[in-house]
N, C-alpha and C. Protein backbone atom coordinates (compact mmCIF):
# COMPACT_ATOMS: atom_id res chain seq x y z
N UNK A 1 -0.46 -10.30 31.72
CA UNK A 1 -0.95 -10.12 32.80
C UNK A 1 0.03 -8.70 33.45
N UNK A 2 1.24 -8.62 32.99
CA UNK A 2 2.01 -7.42 33.47
C UNK A 2 1.62 -6.24 32.31
N UNK A 3 1.29 -6.49 31.18
CA UNK A 3 0.88 -5.31 30.17
C UNK A 3 0.07 -4.71 30.72
N UNK A 4 -1.37 -5.58 31.33
CA UNK A 4 -2.49 -4.75 31.80
C UNK A 4 -2.41 -3.77 32.85
N UNK A 5 -1.38 -4.37 33.69
CA UNK A 5 -1.15 -3.59 34.89
C UNK A 5 -0.26 -2.16 34.46
N UNK A 6 0.56 -2.49 33.40
CA UNK A 6 1.52 -1.31 33.12
C UNK A 6 0.71 -0.22 32.21
N UNK A 7 -0.19 -0.77 31.63
CA UNK A 7 -1.25 0.26 30.74
C UNK A 7 -2.39 0.91 31.84
N UNK A 8 -2.97 0.24 32.40
CA UNK A 8 -4.04 0.89 33.36
C UNK A 8 -3.36 1.43 34.27
N UNK A 9 -2.53 1.20 35.25
CA UNK A 9 -1.96 2.00 36.05
C UNK A 9 -2.93 1.89 37.24
N UNK A 10 -4.31 1.70 37.32
CA UNK A 10 -5.14 2.32 38.28
C UNK A 10 -5.50 0.65 38.91
N UNK A 11 -5.12 0.50 40.06
CA UNK A 11 -6.00 -0.91 40.80
C UNK A 11 -6.81 -0.36 41.70
N UNK A 12 -7.62 -1.17 42.19
CA UNK A 12 -8.75 -1.54 43.24
C UNK A 12 -8.04 -2.38 44.52
N UNK A 13 -7.73 -1.76 45.59
CA UNK A 13 -7.04 -2.71 46.34
C UNK A 13 -7.69 -2.85 47.75
N UNK A 14 -8.08 -4.09 48.09
CA UNK A 14 -9.21 -4.55 49.05
C UNK A 14 -8.25 -4.95 50.52
N UNK A 15 -8.80 -4.62 51.33
CA UNK A 15 -7.93 -4.89 52.62
C UNK A 15 -9.03 -5.45 53.57
N UNK A 16 -8.59 -5.72 54.67
CA UNK A 16 -9.61 -5.99 55.84
C UNK A 16 -9.63 -5.25 56.86
N UNK A 17 -10.46 -4.61 57.54
CA UNK A 17 -10.24 -3.69 58.68
C UNK A 17 -10.25 -4.64 59.93
N UNK A 18 -9.72 -3.99 61.11
CA UNK A 18 -9.75 -4.62 62.43
C UNK A 18 -10.87 -5.52 62.54
N UNK A 19 -12.16 -4.93 62.14
CA UNK A 19 -13.69 -5.37 62.54
C UNK A 19 -13.86 -6.32 61.63
N UNK A 20 -13.38 -6.91 60.75
CA UNK A 20 -13.51 -7.70 59.78
C UNK A 20 -14.36 -7.27 58.43
N UNK A 21 -14.64 -5.83 58.53
CA UNK A 21 -15.43 -5.42 57.49
C UNK A 21 -14.45 -4.81 56.16
N UNK A 22 -14.58 -4.90 55.09
CA UNK A 22 -13.91 -4.60 53.86
C UNK A 22 -13.56 -3.38 53.58
N UNK A 23 -12.38 -2.89 53.19
CA UNK A 23 -11.78 -1.82 52.62
C UNK A 23 -11.18 -1.77 51.29
N UNK A 24 -12.22 -0.84 50.15
CA UNK A 24 -11.75 -0.84 49.04
C UNK A 24 -11.21 0.40 48.41
N UNK A 25 -10.04 0.50 47.92
CA UNK A 25 -9.49 1.95 47.92
C UNK A 25 -8.59 1.91 46.36
N UNK A 26 -8.88 3.07 45.70
CA UNK A 26 -8.15 2.85 44.26
C UNK A 26 -6.67 3.29 44.53
N UNK A 27 -5.71 2.74 43.51
CA UNK A 27 -4.64 3.02 43.90
C UNK A 27 -4.10 3.63 42.77
N UNK A 28 -3.80 4.60 42.15
CA UNK A 28 -3.34 5.29 41.12
C UNK A 28 -1.87 5.06 40.77
N UNK A 29 -1.31 4.51 41.54
CA UNK A 29 0.51 4.37 41.41
C UNK A 29 0.44 2.41 41.37
N UNK A 30 -0.68 1.79 41.50
CA UNK A 30 -0.06 0.58 41.11
C UNK A 30 0.48 0.15 40.09
N UNK A 31 1.61 -0.68 39.84
CA UNK A 31 2.35 -0.83 39.20
C UNK A 31 3.17 -2.51 39.29
N UNK A 32 3.82 -3.05 38.51
CA UNK A 32 4.57 -4.29 38.21
C UNK A 32 6.04 -3.82 38.93
N UNK A 33 6.31 -4.55 40.42
CA UNK A 33 7.64 -4.42 40.72
C UNK A 33 8.43 -5.64 40.00
N UNK A 34 8.02 -6.61 39.93
CA UNK A 34 8.72 -7.48 39.33
C UNK A 34 7.87 -8.92 39.32
N UNK A 35 8.48 -10.06 38.48
CA UNK A 35 7.73 -11.11 38.45
C UNK A 35 6.81 -11.89 39.38
N UNK A 36 7.11 -11.34 40.54
CA UNK A 36 6.40 -11.65 41.75
C UNK A 36 5.86 -10.93 42.79
N UNK A 37 5.69 -9.41 42.22
CA UNK A 37 5.27 -8.55 43.07
C UNK A 37 4.56 -7.48 42.40
N UNK A 38 3.60 -6.75 42.84
CA UNK A 38 2.89 -5.72 42.50
C UNK A 38 3.30 -4.69 43.67
N UNK A 39 3.32 -3.39 43.19
CA UNK A 39 3.48 -2.03 44.36
C UNK A 39 2.53 -1.26 43.99
N UNK A 40 2.46 -0.26 45.18
CA UNK A 40 1.82 0.95 45.17
C UNK A 40 2.44 1.79 46.22
N UNK A 41 2.29 3.28 45.68
CA UNK A 41 2.97 3.99 46.61
C UNK A 41 1.70 4.70 47.73
N UNK A 42 1.95 4.79 48.79
CA UNK A 42 1.20 4.92 50.03
C UNK A 42 1.26 6.68 50.12
N UNK A 43 0.23 7.54 49.07
CA UNK A 43 0.11 8.74 49.33
C UNK A 43 -0.63 9.21 50.14
N UNK A 44 -1.95 8.88 49.95
CA UNK A 44 -3.31 9.05 50.88
C UNK A 44 -4.00 7.77 51.08
N UNK A 45 -3.39 6.55 51.74
CA UNK A 45 -3.92 5.30 51.97
C UNK A 45 -3.95 4.78 53.33
N UNK A 46 -4.20 5.93 54.34
CA UNK A 46 -4.37 5.44 55.67
C UNK A 46 -4.84 4.26 56.03
N UNK A 47 -6.21 4.04 55.53
CA UNK A 47 -6.70 2.74 56.14
C UNK A 47 -6.25 1.55 55.65
N UNK A 48 -5.76 1.48 54.04
CA UNK A 48 -5.01 0.48 53.80
C UNK A 48 -3.87 -0.01 54.49
N UNK A 49 -3.41 0.60 54.57
CA UNK A 49 -1.53 0.75 55.07
C UNK A 49 -2.12 0.32 56.81
N UNK A 50 -2.82 0.97 57.38
CA UNK A 50 -3.33 0.52 58.95
C UNK A 50 -3.91 -0.66 58.95
N UNK A 51 -4.61 -1.44 57.83
CA UNK A 51 -5.12 -2.44 57.95
C UNK A 51 -4.18 -3.66 57.70
N UNK A 52 -2.99 -3.32 56.94
CA UNK A 52 -1.81 -4.24 56.37
C UNK A 52 -1.04 -4.27 57.79
N UNK A 53 -0.62 -3.32 58.49
CA UNK A 53 0.23 -2.81 59.56
C UNK A 53 -0.17 -3.53 60.65
N UNK A 54 -1.62 -3.53 60.77
CA UNK A 54 -2.57 -4.06 62.03
C UNK A 54 -2.65 -5.56 62.46
N UNK A 55 -2.04 -6.13 60.94
CA UNK A 55 -2.25 -7.62 61.30
C UNK A 55 -3.11 -8.30 60.16
N UNK A 56 -3.48 -7.67 59.14
CA UNK A 56 -4.32 -8.28 58.10
C UNK A 56 -3.51 -8.06 56.96
N UNK A 57 -2.67 -8.62 56.34
CA UNK A 57 -1.54 -8.46 55.56
C UNK A 57 -2.03 -8.64 54.01
N UNK A 58 -3.12 -9.64 53.87
CA UNK A 58 -3.54 -10.28 52.98
C UNK A 58 -4.52 -9.20 51.88
N UNK A 59 -4.26 -8.84 50.91
CA UNK A 59 -5.06 -7.66 49.98
C UNK A 59 -5.52 -8.69 48.86
N UNK A 60 -6.31 -7.93 47.99
CA UNK A 60 -6.68 -8.49 46.72
C UNK A 60 -6.39 -7.09 45.72
N UNK A 61 -6.29 -6.95 44.61
CA UNK A 61 -5.94 -6.26 43.76
C UNK A 61 -6.29 -6.15 42.85
N UNK A 62 -7.37 -5.72 42.15
CA UNK A 62 -7.91 -5.48 41.17
C UNK A 62 -7.65 -4.63 39.84
N UNK A 63 -6.85 -4.87 38.45
CA UNK A 63 -6.69 -4.24 37.72
C UNK A 63 -7.48 -4.47 36.34
N UNK A 64 -8.33 -3.52 35.81
CA UNK A 64 -9.20 -3.69 34.77
C UNK A 64 -9.38 -3.02 33.75
N UNK A 65 -9.09 -3.13 32.34
CA UNK A 65 -9.37 -2.54 31.33
C UNK A 65 -10.77 -2.08 31.13
N UNK A 66 -10.88 -0.74 31.68
CA UNK A 66 -12.74 -0.43 31.39
C UNK A 66 -13.23 -0.67 30.17
N UNK A 67 -12.43 -0.21 28.80
CA UNK A 67 -12.76 -0.44 27.44
C UNK A 67 -12.98 -1.93 26.73
N UNK A 68 -12.13 -2.56 27.28
CA UNK A 68 -12.09 -4.12 26.84
C UNK A 68 -12.85 -5.05 28.15
N UNK A 69 -12.99 -4.41 29.03
CA UNK A 69 -13.63 -5.03 30.32
C UNK A 69 -13.05 -6.12 30.38
N UNK A 70 -11.80 -6.49 30.72
CA UNK A 70 -11.12 -7.67 31.08
C UNK A 70 -10.03 -7.02 32.04
N UNK A 71 -9.39 -8.12 32.78
CA UNK A 71 -8.47 -7.49 33.76
C UNK A 71 -7.82 -8.78 34.53
N UNK A 72 -7.48 -8.63 35.54
CA UNK A 72 -6.97 -9.68 36.37
C UNK A 72 -7.37 -9.04 37.98
N UNK A 73 -7.14 -10.29 38.76
CA UNK A 73 -7.23 -10.12 40.10
C UNK A 73 -6.12 -10.60 40.64
N UNK A 74 -5.29 -10.03 41.54
CA UNK A 74 -4.22 -10.78 42.24
C UNK A 74 -4.43 -10.60 43.83
N UNK A 75 -4.25 -11.80 44.35
CA UNK A 75 -4.35 -11.92 45.77
C UNK A 75 -2.89 -11.97 46.26
N UNK A 76 -2.45 -11.37 47.50
CA UNK A 76 -1.09 -12.05 48.25
C UNK A 76 -0.94 -11.21 49.70
N UNK A 77 0.04 -11.31 49.93
CA UNK A 77 0.48 -10.69 51.22
C UNK A 77 1.23 -9.24 51.01
N UNK A 78 1.00 -8.47 51.80
CA UNK A 78 1.57 -6.89 51.29
C UNK A 78 2.31 -6.71 52.85
N UNK A 79 3.34 -5.80 52.16
CA UNK A 79 4.40 -5.38 53.34
C UNK A 79 4.48 -4.01 53.10
N UNK A 80 4.52 -3.09 54.20
CA UNK A 80 5.14 -1.66 54.16
C UNK A 80 6.11 -1.12 54.43
N UNK A 81 6.87 -0.57 53.91
CA UNK A 81 8.22 -0.12 53.70
C UNK A 81 8.22 1.23 53.76
N UNK A 82 8.82 1.78 55.05
CA UNK A 82 8.73 3.44 55.44
C UNK A 82 10.27 3.93 55.10
N UNK A 83 10.97 2.92 54.95
CA UNK A 83 12.80 3.07 55.26
C UNK A 83 13.38 1.93 54.42
N UNK A 84 14.58 2.11 54.23
CA UNK A 84 15.40 0.76 53.59
C UNK A 84 15.39 0.72 52.34
N UNK A 85 15.92 -0.28 51.82
CA UNK A 85 16.19 -0.63 50.42
C UNK A 85 15.03 -0.38 49.32
N UNK A 86 13.87 -1.18 49.95
CA UNK A 86 12.57 -0.98 48.96
C UNK A 86 12.25 0.16 49.01
N UNK A 87 11.93 0.75 49.95
CA UNK A 87 11.31 2.30 50.12
C UNK A 87 12.48 3.18 49.16
N UNK A 88 13.62 3.34 49.17
CA UNK A 88 14.32 4.05 48.42
C UNK A 88 14.08 3.80 47.00
N UNK A 89 14.35 2.36 46.38
CA UNK A 89 14.27 1.76 45.14
C UNK A 89 12.68 2.18 44.90
N UNK A 90 11.55 2.31 45.39
CA UNK A 90 10.04 2.60 45.05
C UNK A 90 10.25 4.12 44.84
N UNK A 91 10.73 4.88 45.79
CA UNK A 91 10.79 6.21 45.56
C UNK A 91 11.58 6.93 44.25
N UNK A 92 12.93 5.78 43.85
CA UNK A 92 13.78 6.15 42.33
C UNK A 92 12.63 5.92 41.68
N UNK A 93 11.55 4.56 41.45
CA UNK A 93 11.06 4.16 40.32
C UNK A 93 9.92 5.03 40.40
N UNK A 94 9.15 5.66 40.92
CA UNK A 94 7.93 6.64 40.85
C UNK A 94 8.46 7.81 40.00
N UNK A 95 9.70 8.00 40.83
CA UNK A 95 10.40 9.44 40.12
C UNK A 95 10.51 9.50 38.57
N UNK A 96 11.17 8.31 38.52
CA UNK A 96 11.64 7.91 36.98
C UNK A 96 10.40 7.91 36.11
N UNK A 97 9.42 6.97 36.81
CA UNK A 97 8.29 6.70 35.97
C UNK A 97 7.11 8.05 35.55
N UNK A 98 7.01 8.62 36.81
CA UNK A 98 5.96 9.94 36.80
C UNK A 98 6.30 10.95 37.14
N UNK A 99 7.79 11.15 37.53
CA UNK A 99 8.35 12.20 38.32
C UNK A 99 7.31 12.63 39.85
N UNK A 100 6.82 11.76 40.32
CA UNK A 100 6.54 11.86 41.64
C UNK A 100 7.46 11.67 42.53
N UNK A 101 7.46 12.95 43.35
CA UNK A 101 8.45 13.37 44.22
C UNK A 101 8.44 12.64 45.71
N UNK A 102 9.60 11.91 45.76
CA UNK A 102 9.86 11.19 47.07
C UNK A 102 9.50 11.78 48.54
N UNK A 103 9.23 13.13 48.55
CA UNK A 103 8.68 13.51 49.78
C UNK A 103 7.15 13.41 49.84
N UNK A 104 6.25 13.27 48.65
CA UNK A 104 4.80 13.08 48.73
C UNK A 104 4.79 11.35 49.27
N UNK A 105 5.67 10.41 49.16
CA UNK A 105 5.54 9.01 49.56
C UNK A 105 5.99 8.58 50.78
N UNK A 106 4.75 8.33 51.24
CA UNK A 106 4.57 7.82 52.59
C UNK A 106 5.22 6.47 53.19
N UNK A 107 5.09 5.58 52.13
CA UNK A 107 5.56 4.16 52.12
C UNK A 107 5.56 3.43 50.67
N UNK A 108 5.92 2.45 50.85
CA UNK A 108 5.95 1.82 49.60
C UNK A 108 5.23 0.45 49.88
N UNK A 109 4.20 0.11 49.52
CA UNK A 109 3.60 -0.98 49.83
C UNK A 109 3.92 -2.09 48.71
N UNK A 110 4.28 -3.43 48.99
CA UNK A 110 4.66 -4.19 48.17
C UNK A 110 3.91 -5.73 48.55
N UNK A 111 3.40 -5.90 47.52
CA UNK A 111 2.29 -7.08 47.46
C UNK A 111 3.02 -8.48 46.86
N UNK A 112 3.21 -9.67 47.63
CA UNK A 112 3.91 -10.78 46.97
C UNK A 112 2.66 -11.28 46.45
N UNK A 113 2.60 -11.48 45.03
CA UNK A 113 1.59 -12.09 44.44
C UNK A 113 1.31 -13.43 44.54
N UNK A 114 0.41 -14.11 44.92
CA UNK A 114 -0.12 -15.64 45.76
C UNK A 114 -0.77 -16.30 44.38
N UNK A 115 -1.85 -15.49 44.16
CA UNK A 115 -2.73 -16.38 43.43
C UNK A 115 -3.27 -15.26 42.40
N UNK A 116 -3.72 -15.77 40.91
CA UNK A 116 -4.16 -14.45 39.71
C UNK A 116 -5.33 -15.32 39.40
N UNK A 117 -6.29 -14.53 39.07
CA UNK A 117 -7.23 -15.19 38.22
C UNK A 117 -7.80 -13.86 37.50
N UNK A 118 -8.39 -14.07 35.97
CA UNK A 118 -8.81 -13.41 34.98
C UNK A 118 -10.22 -12.65 36.04
N UNK A 119 -10.38 -11.54 35.36
CA UNK A 119 -11.51 -11.01 35.63
C UNK A 119 -11.87 -10.57 34.08
N UNK A 120 -13.28 -11.14 33.54
CA UNK A 120 -13.60 -10.97 32.33
C UNK A 120 -15.34 -10.67 32.32
N UNK A 121 -15.77 -9.51 31.58
CA UNK A 121 -16.93 -9.41 31.74
C UNK A 121 -18.14 -10.13 30.92
N UNK A 122 -19.27 -10.10 31.60
CA UNK A 122 -20.40 -10.80 30.82
C UNK A 122 -20.62 -10.15 29.52
N UNK A 123 -20.06 -9.19 28.85
CA UNK A 123 -20.01 -8.78 27.82
C UNK A 123 -19.51 -9.84 26.71
N UNK A 124 -18.86 -10.78 27.25
CA UNK A 124 -18.05 -11.91 26.27
C UNK A 124 -18.91 -13.01 26.38
N UNK A 125 -19.84 -12.95 26.85
CA UNK A 125 -20.84 -14.12 26.82
C UNK A 125 -21.31 -14.55 25.74
N UNK A 126 -21.71 -13.52 24.79
CA UNK A 126 -22.34 -14.15 23.64
C UNK A 126 -21.66 -14.27 22.16
N UNK A 127 -20.32 -14.59 22.83
CA UNK A 127 -19.28 -14.67 22.02
C UNK A 127 -18.59 -13.52 21.26
N UNK A 128 -18.61 -12.54 21.78
CA UNK A 128 -18.06 -10.83 21.36
C UNK A 128 -16.72 -11.18 21.23
N UNK A 129 -15.97 -10.86 20.30
CA UNK A 129 -14.49 -10.68 20.25
C UNK A 129 -13.99 -9.56 21.10
N UNK A 130 -12.78 -9.57 21.55
CA UNK A 130 -12.42 -8.08 22.23
C UNK A 130 -12.72 -6.93 21.44
N UNK A 131 -12.46 -6.77 20.28
CA UNK A 131 -12.74 -5.98 19.06
C UNK A 131 -14.01 -5.37 19.52
N UNK A 132 -14.98 -6.31 19.30
CA UNK A 132 -16.38 -5.96 19.37
C UNK A 132 -16.71 -5.09 20.60
N UNK A 133 -16.18 -5.75 21.59
CA UNK A 133 -16.64 -5.13 23.07
C UNK A 133 -15.76 -4.01 23.07
N UNK A 134 -14.44 -4.11 22.63
CA UNK A 134 -14.06 -2.51 22.86
C UNK A 134 -14.97 -1.38 21.82
N UNK A 135 -15.43 -1.91 20.76
CA UNK A 135 -16.19 -0.85 19.89
C UNK A 135 -17.51 0.00 20.60
N UNK A 136 -17.92 -1.46 21.21
CA UNK A 136 -19.25 -1.23 22.04
C UNK A 136 -19.19 0.09 23.25
N UNK A 137 -17.54 -0.44 23.88
CA UNK A 137 -17.54 0.25 25.05
C UNK A 137 -17.16 1.87 24.46
N UNK A 138 -16.39 2.18 23.61
CA UNK A 138 -15.90 3.20 23.06
C UNK A 138 -17.34 4.03 22.63
N UNK A 139 -18.20 3.28 21.99
CA UNK A 139 -19.37 4.12 21.79
C UNK A 139 -20.18 4.62 22.77
N UNK A 140 -20.41 3.38 23.81
CA UNK A 140 -21.37 3.67 25.05
C UNK A 140 -20.58 4.82 25.61
N UNK A 141 -19.35 5.13 25.57
CA UNK A 141 -18.80 6.31 26.29
C UNK A 141 -18.42 7.64 25.39
N UNK A 142 -18.56 7.44 24.33
CA UNK A 142 -18.64 8.68 23.43
C UNK A 142 -17.08 8.88 22.72
N UNK A 143 -16.34 7.66 22.87
CA UNK A 143 -14.97 7.80 22.69
C UNK A 143 -14.70 7.30 21.50
N UNK A 144 -13.14 7.42 20.79
CA UNK A 144 -12.72 7.02 19.74
C UNK A 144 -11.00 6.68 19.92
N UNK A 145 -10.72 5.82 19.20
CA UNK A 145 -9.08 5.44 19.32
C UNK A 145 -8.50 6.58 18.39
N UNK A 146 -7.36 6.80 18.88
CA UNK A 146 -6.52 7.81 17.98
C UNK A 146 -5.51 7.37 17.43
N UNK A 147 -4.86 7.16 16.48
CA UNK A 147 -3.65 6.84 15.82
C UNK A 147 -2.26 7.81 16.30
N UNK A 148 -1.45 7.33 16.06
CA UNK A 148 -0.16 8.30 16.50
C UNK A 148 -0.17 9.76 15.69
N UNK A 149 -0.90 9.69 14.62
CA UNK A 149 -0.74 10.71 13.59
C UNK A 149 -1.84 11.51 13.96
N UNK A 150 -2.78 11.34 14.85
CA UNK A 150 -3.90 12.13 15.29
C UNK A 150 -3.75 12.77 16.65
N UNK A 151 -2.51 12.22 17.20
CA UNK A 151 -2.35 12.69 18.85
C UNK A 151 -3.05 12.21 19.98
């Protein structure tokens, strides 16, 4: 699970608005914080953060490899950190990981993972292997894998 999150980095975070409607937002900073938490940096996440801070802290994060068409759903309670140790550690983490400047980060959102479920495409229903699904996906998108020598 951690490998998928580390490789994909893009997670879709679902939160609940005050009127009960869903809010779904892509987070390109989705990462593994530790064995029990995921994290993302609040760069442009006003509604998601407002929902969490407004009393609806439960979120779901979906991270899926679009080529292998597999991934995970993570559910749990989120907390928003605008200062303090978690905020400082998060800013350092994103600076080291991708060069993200701390002054771009409004807050660090930490999600305690309470439930995990696999996401597996119906593309596997016919008995296809991950390699077969990968090849079909690459062909569908006009892509190809490159080796280290090909850059």
